[in-house]
Protein backbone atom coordinates (compact mmCIF):
# COMPACT_ATOMS: atom_id res chain seq x y z
CA UNK A 1 108.25 105.14 97.27
CA UNK A 2 112.05 105.94 97.01
CA UNK A 3 112.76 108.91 94.76
CA UNK A 4 115.39 107.83 92.61
CA UNK A 5 116.32 111.57 91.90
CA UNK A 6 117.32 112.18 95.19
CA UNK A 7 120.79 110.34 94.80
CA UNK A 8 121.53 113.10 91.86
CA UNK A 9 121.05 115.37 95.07
CA UNK A 10 123.15 113.80 97.08
CA UNK A 11 125.80 113.71 94.35
CA UNK A 12 125.59 117.24 93.76
CA UNK A 13 125.58 118.26 97.09
CA UNK A 14 128.79 116.42 97.50
CA UNK A 15 130.21 118.11 94.42
CA UNK A 16 129.61 121.34 96.04
CA UNK A 17 131.81 120.58 99.04
CA UNK A 18 128.46 120.22 101.10
CA UNK A 19 129.24 117.05 102.64
CA UNK A 20 127.22 117.22 106.22
CA UNK A 21 124.27 118.09 103.86
CA UNK A 22 124.55 115.30 101.68
CA UNK A 23 125.51 113.00 104.74
CA UNK A 24 121.94 113.78 106.06
CA UNK A 25 120.04 113.78 102.57
CA UNK A 26 122.10 110.00 102.35
CA UNK A 27 120.81 108.82 105.56
CA UNK A 28 117.20 109.82 105.07
CA UNK A 29 117.40 107.96 101.74
CA UNK A 30 118.95 104.64 103.60
CA UNK A 31 116.39 105.32 106.46
CA UNK A 32 113.55 105.04 103.58
CA UNK A 33 115.11 102.37 102.14
CA UNK A 34 115.39 99.73 104.59
CA UNK A 35 111.65 100.67 105.62
CA UNK A 36 110.76 99.77 102.03
CA UNK A 37 113.03 96.33 102.44
CA UNK A 38 110.77 95.49 105.35
CA UNK A 39 107.72 96.44 103.65
CA UNK A 40 108.78 93.95 100.80
CA UNK A 41 109.55 91.11 103.11
CA UNK A 42 106.07 91.69 104.71
CA UNK A 43 104.41 91.36 101.89
CA UNK A 44 106.45 88.35 100.70
CA UNK A 45 105.59 86.95 104.01
CA UNK A 46 101.59 87.62 103.44
CA UNK A 47 101.68 86.31 99.60
CA UNK A 48 103.62 83.32 101.14
CA UNK A 49 100.87 82.85 103.53
CA UNK A 50 97.79 83.05 101.15
CA UNK A 51 99.28 80.66 98.57
CA UNK A 52 99.46 78.44 101.49
CA UNK A 53 96.10 78.56 102.23
CA UNK A 54 95.19 78.12 98.60
CA UNK A 55 97.20 75.29 98.30
CA UNK A 56 95.54 73.58 101.69
CA UNK A 57 92.04 74.75 99.72
CA UNK A 58 92.81 72.95 96.65
CA UNK A 59 94.63 69.49 98.28
CA UNK A 60 93.21 69.19 101.90
CA UNK A 61 89.63 66.91 101.32
CA UNK A 62 87.15 65.65 103.60
CA UNK A 63 86.38 61.86 103.11
CA UNK A 64 83.12 61.74 105.20
CA UNK A 65 85.16 61.92 108.42
CA UNK A 66 88.44 62.50 108.16
CA UNK A 67 90.89 65.07 106.35
CA UNK A 68 93.42 63.83 103.86
CA UNK A 69 95.99 65.97 102.14
CA UNK A 70 96.57 65.05 98.73
CA UNK A 71 100.42 66.21 97.46
CA UNK A 72 101.19 64.76 93.73
CA UNK A 73 100.19 61.21 94.01
CA UNK A 74 100.63 60.87 97.91
CA UNK A 75 98.17 60.99 99.98
CA UNK A 76 98.87 62.37 103.69
CA UNK A 77 96.94 61.85 107.05
CA UNK A 78 94.57 61.26 108.24
CA UNK A 79 93.93 64.99 110.18
CA UNK A 80 91.65 65.46 112.65
CA UNK A 81 88.71 67.38 111.39
CA UNK A 82 88.15 69.22 115.07
CA UNK A 83 91.46 70.49 115.22
CA UNK A 84 91.27 71.50 111.98
CA UNK A 85 87.63 73.06 111.96
CA UNK A 86 88.24 74.67 115.06
CA UNK A 87 91.82 75.74 115.15
CA UNK A 88 92.88 75.49 111.40
CA UNK A 89 95.63 73.14 112.92
CA UNK A 90 96.48 69.85 110.84
CA UNK A 91 96.84 67.49 113.63
CA UNK A 92 97.64 63.71 112.13
CA UNK A 93 95.78 60.72 113.64
CA UNK A 94 97.00 57.97 115.41
CA UNK A 95 95.98 54.52 115.42
CA UNK A 96 95.08 51.88 112.96
CA UNK A 97 92.57 52.54 110.58
CA UNK A 98 89.04 52.22 112.25
CA UNK A 99 90.50 53.10 115.24
CA UNK A 100 92.23 56.47 115.20
CA UNK A 101 92.43 58.88 118.00
CA UNK A 102 94.14 62.73 117.92
CA UNK A 103 96.85 63.59 120.90
CA UNK A 104 95.34 67.10 120.74
CA UNK A 105 92.04 67.27 120.80
CA UNK A 106 91.57 63.65 122.59
CA UNK A 107 88.57 62.66 119.95
CA UNK A 108 88.69 59.06 118.60
CA UNK A 109 87.19 57.92 114.86
CA UNK A 110 86.06 54.56 113.86
CA UNK A 111 85.96 53.61 110.26
CA UNK A 112 82.68 54.44 108.00
CA UNK A 113 81.07 52.12 106.93
CA UNK A 114 80.86 52.88 102.71
CA UNK A 115 78.02 53.93 102.63
CA UNK A 116 78.41 56.79 105.52
CA UNK A 117 81.75 57.45 103.86
CA UNK A 118 80.10 58.84 100.63
CA UNK A 119 80.55 62.58 101.33
CA UNK A 120 79.56 65.14 98.58
CA UNK A 121 80.72 68.56 98.28
CA UNK A 122 79.12 70.69 96.04
CA UNK A 123 78.88 68.34 92.95
CA UNK A 124 82.26 66.28 93.64
CA UNK A 125 82.15 62.90 95.48
CA UNK A 126 84.87 62.44 97.63
CA UNK A 127 85.17 58.64 98.57
CA UNK A 128 84.74 55.44 97.29
CA UNK A 129 84.16 51.86 98.65
CA UNK A 130 86.94 52.08 101.52
CA UNK A 131 85.65 54.31 103.60
CA UNK A 132 88.63 56.33 104.23
CA UNK A 133 89.95 56.92 100.23
CA UNK A 134 88.72 60.01 98.31
CA UNK A 135 87.68 59.67 94.84
CA UNK A 136 89.79 62.11 92.84
CA UNK A 137 91.06 62.68 89.35
CA UNK A 138 92.88 59.61 88.22
CA UNK A 139 96.70 60.57 88.96
CA UNK A 140 95.10 60.97 92.81
CA UNK A 141 93.42 57.70 93.07
CA UNK A 142 96.82 55.77 92.96
CA UNK A 143 98.04 58.37 96.04
CA UNK A 144 100.60 56.54 98.49
CA UNK A 145 99.31 56.73 102.09
CA UNK A 146 102.49 57.71 104.27
CA UNK A 147 101.63 56.36 108.25
CA UNK A 148 101.83 58.15 111.19
CA UNK A 149 105.68 56.98 112.47
CA UNK A 150 105.38 55.06 115.64
C-alpha cells in the first residue's frame, strides 16, 4: 500500500532544505507507485480472464455432439468438442451441416439423428428435432447461425 503521509514528509524535507533526502524519499515513493500500478494491471487482467471463463460457462452449450456459442440472439459455431475438451480451444468446424470437420485435430463429425442429439445436462434439455439446434430460453431459440467463412 502507498503511504500517503510520506508525501507530506517529502514536502517537509524540501522545505527544510534537505533536497537530497527528499529526492531519495520521492524516488522510493515512485518505485512503490509503479509496483502498485503493475499489480493493479495484473489483477485487472485476471478479473478479465475470470469474466471470460464465466461468459463461456454461461453461453457455450453442447447439443449432444458439437459446441455452440450463444451471444445475444446469435448462435455461433459449431466448435470442435475434442479441441475444447482437450485444450480449451474454440475451434470452428468447417464443412456443411451434416458433414463437418476440424482443421486442428482432423476429427470429422456427422449429423446426429434427432433422438441421439438429445443431450441432457443437469435437468436442462439442449436439443430439438433438428439435431444441432439447442433448446434454450425463447430469445435464444431464434438465434441466427453465423456460418464459417470460406
